[in-house]
Every structure is written in structure tokens, then in C-alpha cells.
Amino acid sequence: MHNIWKCTMLVILLACGITAQLSKLRRPNKGTISCCQSVSKMPITYGVTGYKQQKANGRCVDAIIFYTEKGEVCSHPEAHWVKKKMNEVPMIP
């Protein structure tokens, strides 16, 4: 009787372990997209410390990403003020 109890518990533990592993495989990746999906043509009126260029790829659009004291700003690469601002601050690799 004691061996039956051990075998039953072992089967239950194995089934739980397999179920847990399979549930991980079926979960979709909930990764975030860390790129500009839209851009602004409005000039930035506060401190800019640098920039980098982003090429379109999937949901990401062509953009100039300016790093500012308030965070990142996605700007339209063809906006009239962008090229001037790019010459004023360093490009960040």
C-alpha cells in the first residue's frame, strides 16, 4: 500500500511538472517594442544631449531619436529643424 502511495504521488508530481513546462511553451512573448512607431514634426524646446537615427523596420518608422533632459523624442527626419539640431549635438552609437 505504501508503494502505491509513492507511485501515485510521483505520477502527480510528474504531471504537474510537465504541465508547467508546456504552459511556458504556449505563452506568447509579451516583449515590448522599443522603437519609434510615430514621429513628431514639432521642434524640441528643451535641452538635447544627443541623437541617433532609426531606420524603418516592421512597425518601427524612420526617425531621429533625440535624447533630452525629459526623455527620448521621436522626430521626423525631414522636419526643417531636425538637421540643424543634429549638427548641434553628438550622435550616440
PDB file of N, CA and C in Angstrom:
ATOM      1  N   MET A   1       0.836  -1.197   0.000  1.00  0.00           N
ATOM      2  CA  MET A   1       0.000   0.000   0.000  1.00  0.00           C
ATOM      3  C   MET A   1       0.874   1.252   0.000  1.00  0.00           C
ATOM      4  N   HIS A   2       1.968   1.188   0.727  1.00  0.00           N
ATOM      5  CA  HIS A   2       2.875   2.320   0.817  1.00  0.00           C
ATOM      6  C   HIS A   2       3.514   2.614  -0.539  1.00  0.00           C
ATOM      7  N   ASN A   3       3.846   1.596  -1.310  1.00  0.00           N
ATOM      8  CA  ASN A   3       4.436   1.772  -2.641  1.00  0.00           C
ATOM      9  C   ASN A   3       3.439   2.375  -3.626  1.00  0.00           C
ATOM     10  N   ILE A   4       2.185   2.002  -3.510  1.00  0.00           N
ATOM     11  CA  ILE A   4       1.152   2.564  -4.385  1.00  0.00           C
ATOM     12  C   ILE A   4       1.024   4.065  -4.133  1.00  0.00           C
ATOM     13  N   TRP A   5       1.077   4.435  -2.851  1.00  0.00           N
ATOM     14  CA  TRP A   5       1.005   5.860  -2.483  1.00  0.00           C
ATOM     15  C   TRP A   5       2.182   6.629  -3.068  1.00  0.00           C
ATOM     16  N   LYS A   6       3.376   6.092  -2.995  1.00  0.00           N
ATOM     17  CA  LYS A   6       4.563   6.731  -3.543  1.00  0.00           C
ATOM     18  C   LYS A   6       4.456   6.867  -5.057  1.00  0.00           C
ATOM     19  N   CYS A   7       4.009   5.822  -5.717  1.00  0.00           N
ATOM     20  CA  CYS A   7       3.865   5.856  -7.181  1.00  0.00           C
ATOM     21  C   CYS A   7       2.811   6.878  -7.600  1.00  0.00           C
ATOM     22  N   THR A   8       1.726   6.937  -6.878  1.00  0.00           N
ATOM     23  CA  THR A   8       0.662   7.892  -7.198  1.00  0.00           C
ATOM     24  C   THR A   8       1.172   9.321  -7.051  1.00  0.00           C
ATOM     25  N   MET A   9       1.900   9.584  -5.987  1.00  0.00           N
ATOM     26  CA  MET A   9       2.442  10.930  -5.763  1.00  0.00           C
ATOM     27  C   MET A   9       3.473  11.283  -6.840  1.00  0.00           C
ATOM     28  N   LEU A  10       4.286  10.316  -7.226  1.00  0.00           N
ATOM     29  CA  LEU A  10       5.280  10.543  -8.257  1.00  0.00           C
ATOM     30  C   LEU A  10       4.611  10.885  -9.584  1.00  0.00           C
ATOM     31  N   VAL A  11       3.562  10.157  -9.937  1.00  0.00           N
ATOM     32  CA  VAL A  11       2.831  10.432 -11.177  1.00  0.00           C
ATOM     33  C   VAL A  11       2.201  11.821 -11.130  1.00  0.00           C
ATOM     34  N   ILE A  12       1.628  12.191 -10.013  1.00  0.00           N
ATOM     35  CA  ILE A  12       1.007  13.514  -9.879  1.00  0.00           C
ATOM     36  C   ILE A  12       2.055  14.613 -10.006  1.00  0.00           C
ATOM     37  N   LEU A  13       3.203  14.449  -9.346  1.00  0.00           N
ATOM     38  CA  LEU A  13       4.262  15.450  -9.432  1.00  0.00           C
ATOM     39  C   LEU A  13       4.810  15.563 -10.851  1.00  0.00           C
ATOM     40  N   LEU A  14       4.991  14.450 -11.520  1.00  0.00           N
ATOM     41  CA  LEU A  14       5.458  14.480 -12.910  1.00  0.00           C
ATOM     42  C   LEU A  14       4.449  15.180 -13.817  1.00  0.00           C
ATOM     43  N   ALA A  15       3.180  14.877 -13.618  1.00  0.00           N
ATOM     44  CA  ALA A  15       2.145  15.507 -14.437  1.00  0.00           C
ATOM     45  C   ALA A  15       2.123  17.017 -14.210  1.00  0.00           C
ATOM     46  N   CYS A  16       2.275  17.449 -12.962  1.00  0.00           N
ATOM     47  CA  CYS A  16       2.313  18.891 -12.671  1.00  0.00           C
ATOM     48  C   CYS A  16       3.532  19.539 -13.316  1.00  0.00           C
ATOM     49  N   GLY A  17       4.682  18.884 -13.235  1.00  0.00           N
ATOM     50  CA  GLY A  17       5.898  19.427 -13.832  1.00  0.00           C
ATOM     51  C   GLY A  17       5.797  19.543 -15.336  1.00  0.00           C
ATOM     52  N   ILE A  18       5.270  18.524 -15.979  1.00  0.00           N
ATOM     53  CA  ILE A  18       5.118  18.546 -17.439  1.00  0.00           C
ATOM     54  C   ILE A  18       4.121  19.627 -17.840  1.00  0.00           C
ATOM     55  N   THR A  19       3.025  19.744 -17.123  1.00  0.00           N
ATOM     56  CA  THR A  19       2.023  20.766 -17.425  1.00  0.00           C
ATOM     57  C   THR A  19       2.616  22.165 -17.285  1.00  0.00           C
ATOM     58  N   ALA A  20       3.417  22.365 -16.254  1.00  0.00           N
ATOM     59  CA  ALA A  20       4.037  23.679 -16.045  1.00  0.00           C
ATOM     60  C   ALA A  20       4.984  24.014 -17.196  1.00  0.00           C
ATOM     61  N   GLN A  21       5.758  23.045 -17.635  1.00  0.00           N
ATOM     62  CA  GLN A  21       6.687  23.279 -18.742  1.00  0.00           C
ATOM     63  C   GLN A  21       5.939  23.556 -20.038  1.00  0.00           C
ATOM     64  N   LEU A  22       4.882  22.818 -20.314  1.00  0.00           N
ATOM     65  CA  LEU A  22       4.113  23.040 -21.540  1.00  0.00           C
ATOM     66  C   LEU A  22       3.420  24.391 -21.547  1.00  0.00           C
ATOM     67  N   SER A  23       2.966  24.836 -20.377  1.00  0.00           N
ATOM     68  CA  SER A  23       2.291  26.137 -20.330  1.00  0.00           C
ATOM     69  C   SER A  23       3.268  27.259 -20.644  1.00  0.00           C
ATOM     70  N   LYS A  24       4.544  27.095 -20.307  1.00  0.00           N
ATOM     71  CA  LYS A  24       5.543  28.095 -20.657  1.00  0.00           C
ATOM     72  C   LYS A  24       5.757  28.145 -22.156  1.00  0.00           C
ATOM     73  N   LEU A  25       5.686  27.016 -22.811  1.00  0.00           N
ATOM     74  CA  LEU A  25       5.904  26.966 -24.252  1.00  0.00           C
ATOM     75  C   LEU A  25       4.759  27.604 -25.024  1.00  0.00           C
ATOM     76  N   ARG A  26       3.568  27.545 -24.497  1.00  0.00           N
ATOM     77  CA  ARG A  26       2.411  28.067 -25.212  1.00  0.00           C
ATOM     78  C   ARG A  26       2.177  29.550 -24.996  1.00  0.00           C
ATOM     79  N   ARG A  27       2.815  30.133 -23.992  1.00  0.00           N
ATOM     80  CA  ARG A  27       2.611  31.551 -23.723  1.00  0.00           C
ATOM     81  C   ARG A  27       3.250  32.404 -24.803  1.00  0.00           C
ATOM     82  N   PRO A  28       2.527  33.373 -25.340  1.00  0.00           N
ATOM     83  CA  PRO A  28       3.148  34.271 -26.312  1.00  0.00           C
ATOM     84  C   PRO A  28       4.138  35.192 -25.625  1.00  0.00           C
ATOM     85  N   ASN A  29       5.142  35.594 -26.361  1.00  0.00           N
ATOM     86  CA  ASN A  29       6.129  36.524 -25.833  1.00  0.00           C
ATOM     87  C   ASN A  29       5.492  37.900 -25.740  1.00  0.00           C
ATOM     88  N   LYS A  30       5.499  38.471 -24.578  1.00  0.00           N
ATOM     89  CA  LYS A  30       4.888  39.783 -24.380  1.00  0.00           C
ATOM     90  C   LYS A  30       5.959  40.866 -24.373  1.00  0.00           C
ATOM     91  N   GLY A  31       6.940  40.725 -25.253  1.00  0.00           N
ATOM     92  CA  GLY A  31       8.006  41.710 -25.343  1.00  0.00           C
ATOM     93  C   GLY A  31       7.473  43.047 -25.824  1.00  0.00           C
ATOM     94  N   THR A  32       8.126  44.095 -25.419  1.00  0.00           N
ATOM     95  CA  THR A  32       7.715  45.427 -25.848  1.00  0.00           C
ATOM     96  C   THR A  32       8.561  45.872 -27.031  1.00  0.00           C
ATOM     97  N   ILE A  33       7.999  46.720 -27.816  1.00  0.00           N
ATOM     98  CA  ILE A  33       8.735  47.276 -28.942  1.00  0.00           C
ATOM     99  C   ILE A  33       9.379  48.569 -28.467  1.00  0.00           C
ATOM    100  N   SER A  34      10.686  48.622 -28.531  1.00  0.00           N
ATOM    101  CA  SER A  34      11.389  49.806 -28.057  1.00  0.00           C
ATOM    102  C   SER A  34      11.950  50.576 -29.242  1.00  0.00           C
ATOM    103  N   CYS A  35      11.044  51.115 -30.032  1.00  0.00           N
ATOM    104  CA  CYS A  35      11.430  51.927 -31.174  1.00  0.00           C
ATOM    105  C   CYS A  35      10.321  52.942 -31.419  1.00  0.00           C
ATOM    106  N   CYS A  36      10.624  53.894 -32.295  1.00  0.00           N
ATOM    107  CA  CYS A  36       9.615  54.899 -32.639  1.00  0.00           C
ATOM    108  C   CYS A  36       8.623  54.299 -33.629  1.00  0.00           C
ATOM    109  N   GLN A  37       7.350  54.368 -33.272  1.00  0.00           N
ATOM    110  CA  GLN A  37       6.300  53.906 -34.160  1.00  0.00           C
ATOM    111  C   GLN A  37       5.537  55.086 -34.758  1.00  0.00           C
ATOM    112  N   SER A  38       5.858  56.275 -34.281  1.00  0.00           N
ATOM    113  CA  SER A  38       5.316  57.511 -34.838  1.00  0.00           C
ATOM    114  C   SER A  38       6.334  58.614 -34.544  1.00  0.00           C
ATOM    115  N   VAL A  39       6.238  59.724 -35.279  1.00  0.00           N
ATOM    116  CA  VAL A  39       7.196  60.816 -35.115  1.00  0.00           C
ATOM    117  C   VAL A  39       6.473  62.153 -35.003  1.00  0.00           C
ATOM    118  N   SER A  40       7.200  63.133 -34.480  1.00  0.00           N
ATOM    119  CA  SER A  40       6.685  64.483 -34.347  1.00  0.00           C
ATOM    120  C   SER A  40       7.471  65.420 -35.255  1.00  0.00           C
ATOM    121  N   LYS A  41       6.794  66.429 -35.790  1.00  0.00           N
ATOM    122  CA  LYS A  41       7.466  67.471 -36.575  1.00  0.00           C
ATOM    123  C   LYS A  41       7.685  68.736 -35.749  1.00  0.00           C
ATOM    124  N   MET A  42       7.214  68.724 -34.503  1.00  0.00           N
ATOM    125  CA  MET A  42       7.334  69.896 -33.636  1.00  0.00           C
ATOM    126  C   MET A  42       8.765  70.026 -33.117  1.00  0.00           C
ATOM    127  N   PRO A  43       9.321  71.233 -33.141  1.00  0.00           N
ATOM    128  CA  PRO A  43      10.673  71.437 -32.606  1.00  0.00           C
ATOM    129  C   PRO A  43      10.734  71.142 -31.108  1.00  0.00           C
ATOM    130  N   ILE A  44      11.898  70.703 -30.673  1.00  0.00           N
ATOM    131  CA  ILE A  44      12.127  70.443 -29.254  1.00  0.00           C
ATOM    132  C   ILE A  44      12.627  71.750 -28.626  1.00  0.00           C
ATOM    133  N   THR A  45      11.994  72.159 -27.542  1.00  0.00           N
ATOM    134  CA  THR A  45      12.323  73.453 -26.933  1.00  0.00           C
ATOM    135  C   THR A  45      13.116  73.324 -25.640  1.00  0.00           C
ATOM    136  N   TYR A  46      13.521  72.121 -25.273  1.00  0.00           N
ATOM    137  CA  TYR A  46      14.314  71.921 -24.061  1.00  0.00           C
ATOM    138  C   TYR A  46      15.607  71.202 -24.419  1.00  0.00           C
ATOM    139  N   GLY A  47      16.506  71.066 -23.449  1.00  0.00           N
ATOM    140  CA  GLY A  47      17.856  70.565 -23.675  1.00  0.00           C
ATOM    141  C   GLY A  47      17.953  69.208 -24.356  1.00  0.00           C
ATOM    142  N   VAL A  48      18.746  69.142 -25.432  1.00  0.00           N
ATOM    143  CA  VAL A  48      19.011  67.904 -26.154  1.00  0.00           C
ATOM    144  C   VAL A  48      20.470  67.535 -25.909  1.00  0.00           C
ATOM    145  N   THR A  49      20.717  66.274 -25.544  1.00  0.00           N
ATOM    146  CA  THR A  49      22.078  65.839 -25.242  1.00  0.00           C
ATOM    147  C   THR A  49      22.697  64.994 -26.350  1.00  0.00           C
ATOM    148  N   GLY A  50      21.891  64.461 -27.253  1.00  0.00           N
ATOM    149  CA  GLY A  50      22.401  63.639 -28.342  1.00  0.00           C
ATOM    150  C   GLY A  50      21.260  63.091 -29.175  1.00  0.00           C
ATOM    151  N   TYR A  51      21.624  62.303 -30.190  1.00  0.00           N
ATOM    152  CA  TYR A  51      20.607  61.717 -31.055  1.00  0.00           C
ATOM    153  C   TYR A  51      21.120  60.422 -31.672  1.00  0.00           C
ATOM    154  N   LYS A  52      20.199  59.651 -32.218  1.00  0.00           N
ATOM    155  CA  LYS A  52      20.554  58.511 -33.057  1.00  0.00           C
ATOM    156  C   LYS A  52      19.499  58.376 -34.147  1.00  0.00           C
ATOM    157  N   GLN A  53      19.882  57.736 -35.241  1.00  0.00           N
ATOM    158  CA  GLN A  53      18.965  57.526 -36.350  1.00  0.00           C
ATOM    159  C   GLN A  53      18.334  56.149 -36.235  1.00  0.00           C
ATOM    160  N   GLN A  54      17.064  56.067 -36.595  1.00  0.00           N
ATOM    161  CA  GLN A  54      16.350  54.797 -36.628  1.00  0.00           C
ATOM    162  C   GLN A  54      15.819  54.582 -38.034  1.00  0.00           C
ATOM    163  N   LYS A  55      16.096  53.428 -38.592  1.00  0.00           N
ATOM    164  CA  LYS A  55      15.582  53.055 -39.913  1.00  0.00           C
ATOM    165  C   LYS A  55      14.271  52.293 -39.741  1.00  0.00           C
ATOM    166  N   ALA A  56      13.392  52.415 -40.718  1.00  0.00           N
ATOM    167  CA  ALA A  56      12.116  51.711 -40.677  1.00  0.00           C
ATOM    168  C   ALA A  56      12.359  50.206 -40.708  1.00  0.00           C
ATOM    169  N   ASN A  57      11.619  49.496 -39.863  1.00  0.00           N
ATOM    170  CA  ASN A  57      11.730  48.045 -39.792  1.00  0.00           C
ATOM    171  C   ASN A  57      10.485  47.508 -39.092  1.00  0.00           C
ATOM    172  N   GLY A  58       9.626  46.864 -39.847  1.00  0.00           N
ATOM    173  CA  GLY A  58       8.382  46.358 -39.260  1.00  0.00           C
ATOM    174  C   GLY A  58       7.503  47.507 -38.818  1.00  0.00           C
ATOM    175  N   ARG A  59       7.134  47.532 -37.526  1.00  0.00           N
ATOM    176  CA  ARG A  59       6.279  48.602 -37.006  1.00  0.00           C
ATOM    177  C   ARG A  59       7.066  49.862 -36.673  1.00  0.00           C
ATOM    178  N   CYS A  60       8.385  49.791 -36.714  1.00  0.00           N
ATOM    179  CA  CYS A  60       9.231  50.945 -36.430  1.00  0.00           C
ATOM    180  C   CYS A  60       9.349  51.810 -37.688  1.00  0.00           C
ATOM    181  N   VAL A  61       9.316  53.127 -37.521  1.00  0.00           N
ATOM    182  CA  VAL A  61       9.359  54.053 -38.655  1.00  0.00           C
ATOM    183  C   VAL A  61      10.703  54.765 -38.721  1.00  0.00           C
ATOM    184  N   ASP A  62      11.020  55.367 -39.892  1.00  0.00           N
ATOM    185  CA  ASP A  62      12.208  56.212 -39.993  1.00  0.00           C
ATOM    186  C   ASP A  62      12.060  57.351 -38.995  1.00  0.00           C
ATOM    187  N   ALA A  63      13.111  57.579 -38.208  1.00  0.00           N
ATOM    188  CA  ALA A  63      13.028  58.624 -37.184  1.00  0.00           C
ATOM    189  C   ALA A  63      14.418  59.051 -36.758  1.00  0.00           C
ATOM    190  N   ILE A  64      14.487  60.252 -36.218  1.00  0.00           N
ATOM    191  CA  ILE A  64      15.652  60.716 -35.484  1.00  0.00           C
ATOM    192  C   ILE A  64      15.213  60.734 -34.024  1.00  0.00           C
ATOM    193  N   ILE A  65      15.919  59.981 -33.197  1.00  0.00           N
ATOM    194  CA  ILE A  65      15.585  59.915 -31.773  1.00  0.00           C
ATOM    195  C   ILE A  65      16.507  60.869 -31.037  1.00  0.00           C
ATOM    196  N   PHE A  66      15.933  61.933 -30.502  1.00  0.00           N
ATOM    197  CA  PHE A  66      16.705  62.885 -29.724  1.00  0.00           C
ATOM    198  C   PHE A  66      16.620  62.504 -28.252  1.00  0.00           C
ATOM    199  N   TYR A  67      17.775  62.535 -27.587  1.00  0.00           N
ATOM    200  CA  TYR A  67      17.836  62.288 -26.147  1.00  0.00           C
ATOM    201  C   TYR A  67      17.823  63.643 -25.453  1.00  0.00           C
ATOM    202  N   THR A  68      16.849  63.829 -24.596  1.00  0.00           N
ATOM    203  CA  THR A  68      16.670  65.123 -23.943  1.00  0.00           C
ATOM    204  C   THR A  68      16.667  64.953 -22.432  1.00  0.00           C
ATOM    205  N   GLU A  69      16.625  66.070 -21.745  1.00  0.00           N
ATOM    206  CA  GLU A  69      16.555  66.034 -20.284  1.00  0.00           C
ATOM    207  C   GLU A  69      15.221  65.469 -19.796  1.00  0.00           C
ATOM    208  N   LYS A  70      14.235  65.395 -20.687  1.00  0.00           N
ATOM    209  CA  LYS A  70      12.926  64.859 -20.317  1.00  0.00           C
ATOM    210  C   LYS A  70      12.681  63.458 -20.878  1.00  0.00           C
ATOM    211  N   GLY A  71      13.670  62.886 -21.576  1.00  0.00           N
ATOM    212  CA  GLY A  71      13.497  61.555 -22.148  1.00  0.00           C
ATOM    213  C   GLY A  71      13.746  61.557 -23.652  1.00  0.00           C
ATOM    214  N   GLU A  72      13.369  60.483 -24.304  1.00  0.00           N
ATOM    215  CA  GLU A  72      13.577  60.348 -25.743  1.00  0.00           C
ATOM    216  C   GLU A  72      12.408  60.958 -26.522  1.00  0.00           C
ATOM    217  N   VAL A  73      12.747  61.596 -27.657  1.00  0.00           N
ATOM    218  CA  VAL A  73      11.729  62.198 -28.514  1.00  0.00           C
ATOM    219  C   VAL A  73      11.941  61.679 -29.928  1.00  0.00           C
ATOM    220  N   CYS A  74      10.898  61.117 -30.520  1.00  0.00           N
ATOM    221  CA  CYS A  74      10.942  60.611 -31.887  1.00  0.00           C
ATOM    222  C   CYS A  74      10.550  61.740 -32.833  1.00  0.00           C
ATOM    223  N   SER A  75      11.508  62.135 -33.681  1.00  0.00           N
ATOM    224  CA  SER A  75      11.273  63.271 -34.567  1.00  0.00           C
ATOM    225  C   SER A  75      11.318  62.848 -36.026  1.00  0.00           C
ATOM    226  N   HIS A  76      10.569  63.568 -36.842  1.00  0.00           N
ATOM    227  CA  HIS A  76      10.515  63.290 -38.277  1.00  0.00           C
ATOM    228  C   HIS A  76      11.840  63.690 -38.914  1.00  0.00           C
ATOM    229  N   PRO A  77      12.504  62.767 -39.627  1.00  0.00           N
ATOM    230  CA  PRO A  77      13.819  63.071 -40.190  1.00  0.00           C
ATOM    231  C   PRO A  77      13.816  64.196 -41.219  1.00  0.00           C
ATOM    232  N   GLU A  78      12.675  64.492 -41.818  1.00  0.00           N
ATOM    233  CA  GLU A  78      12.593  65.532 -42.848  1.00  0.00           C
ATOM    234  C   GLU A  78      12.088  66.868 -42.312  1.00  0.00           C
ATOM    235  N   ALA A  79      11.803  66.946 -41.015  1.00  0.00           N
ATOM    236  CA  ALA A  79      11.354  68.222 -40.436  1.00  0.00           C
ATOM    237  C   ALA A  79      12.477  69.248 -40.571  1.00  0.00           C
ATOM    238  N   HIS A  80      12.124  70.498 -40.876  1.00  0.00           N
ATOM    239  CA  HIS A  80      13.114  71.528 -41.197  1.00  0.00           C
ATOM    240  C   HIS A  80      14.131  71.786 -40.091  1.00  0.00           C
ATOM    241  N   TRP A  81      13.787  71.629 -38.844  1.00  0.00           N
ATOM    242  CA  TRP A  81      14.669  71.947 -37.730  1.00  0.00           C
ATOM    243  C   TRP A  81      15.564  70.775 -37.328  1.00  0.00           C
ATOM    244  N   VAL A  82      15.240  69.552 -37.770  1.00  0.00           N
ATOM    245  CA  VAL A  82      15.937  68.348 -37.304  1.00  0.00           C
ATOM    246  C   VAL A  82      17.407  68.327 -37.723  1.00  0.00           C
ATOM    247  N   LYS A  83      17.699  68.611 -38.977  1.00  0.00           N
ATOM    248  CA  LYS A  83      19.086  68.566 -39.457  1.00  0.00           C
ATOM    249  C   LYS A  83      19.957  69.592 -38.715  1.00  0.00           C
ATOM    250  N   LYS A  84      19.401  70.758 -38.445  1.00  0.00           N
ATOM    251  CA  LYS A  84      20.140  71.783 -37.695  1.00  0.00           C
ATOM    252  C   LYS A  84      20.452  71.284 -36.286  1.00  0.00           C
ATOM    253  N   LYS A  85      19.464  70.697 -35.628  1.00  0.00           N
ATOM    254  CA  LYS A  85      19.654  70.186 -34.272  1.00  0.00           C
ATOM    255  C   LYS A  85      20.661  69.038 -34.264  1.00  0.00           C
ATOM    256  N   MET A  86      20.668  68.208 -35.317  1.00  0.00           N
ATOM    257  CA  MET A  86      21.618  67.095 -35.405  1.00  0.00           C
ATOM    258  C   MET A  86      23.059  67.614 -35.469  1.00  0.00           C
ATOM    259  N   ASN A  87      23.262  68.778 -36.082  1.00  0.00           N
ATOM    260  CA  ASN A  87      24.597  69.367 -36.158  1.00  0.00           C
ATOM    261  C   ASN A  87      25.053  69.986 -34.832  1.00  0.00           C
ATOM    262  N   GLU A  88      24.130  70.239 -33.947  1.00  0.00           N
ATOM    263  CA  GLU A  88      24.437  70.876 -32.667  1.00  0.00           C
ATOM    264  C   GLU A  88      24.799  69.903 -31.551  1.00  0.00           C
ATOM    265  N   VAL A  89      24.397  68.643 -31.701  1.00  0.00           N
ATOM    266  CA  VAL A  89      24.609  67.651 -30.620  1.00  0.00           C
ATOM    267  C   VAL A  89      25.286  66.406 -31.176  1.00  0.00           C
ATOM    268  N   PRO A  90      25.943  65.614 -30.328  1.00  0.00           N
ATOM    269  CA  PRO A  90      26.637  64.423 -30.812  1.00  0.00           C
ATOM    270  C   PRO A  90      25.693  63.279 -31.163  1.00  0.00           C
ATOM    271  N   MET A  91      26.138  62.475 -32.124  1.00  0.00           N
ATOM    272  CA  MET A  91      25.402  61.261 -32.466  1.00  0.00           C
ATOM    273  C   MET A  91      25.780  60.184 -31.446  1.00  0.00           C
ATOM    274  N   ILE A  92      24.790  59.473 -30.960  1.00  0.00           N
ATOM    275  CA  ILE A  92      25.006  58.414 -29.972  1.00  0.00           C
ATOM    276  C   ILE A  92      24.941  57.070 -30.709  1.00  0.00           C
ATOM    277  N   PRO A  93      25.997  56.274 -30.599  1.00  0.00           N
ATOM    278  CA  PRO A  93      26.008  54.980 -31.316  1.00  0.00           C
ATOM    279  C   PRO A  93      24.984  54.004 -30.802  1.00  0.00           C
TER     280      PRO A  93
END
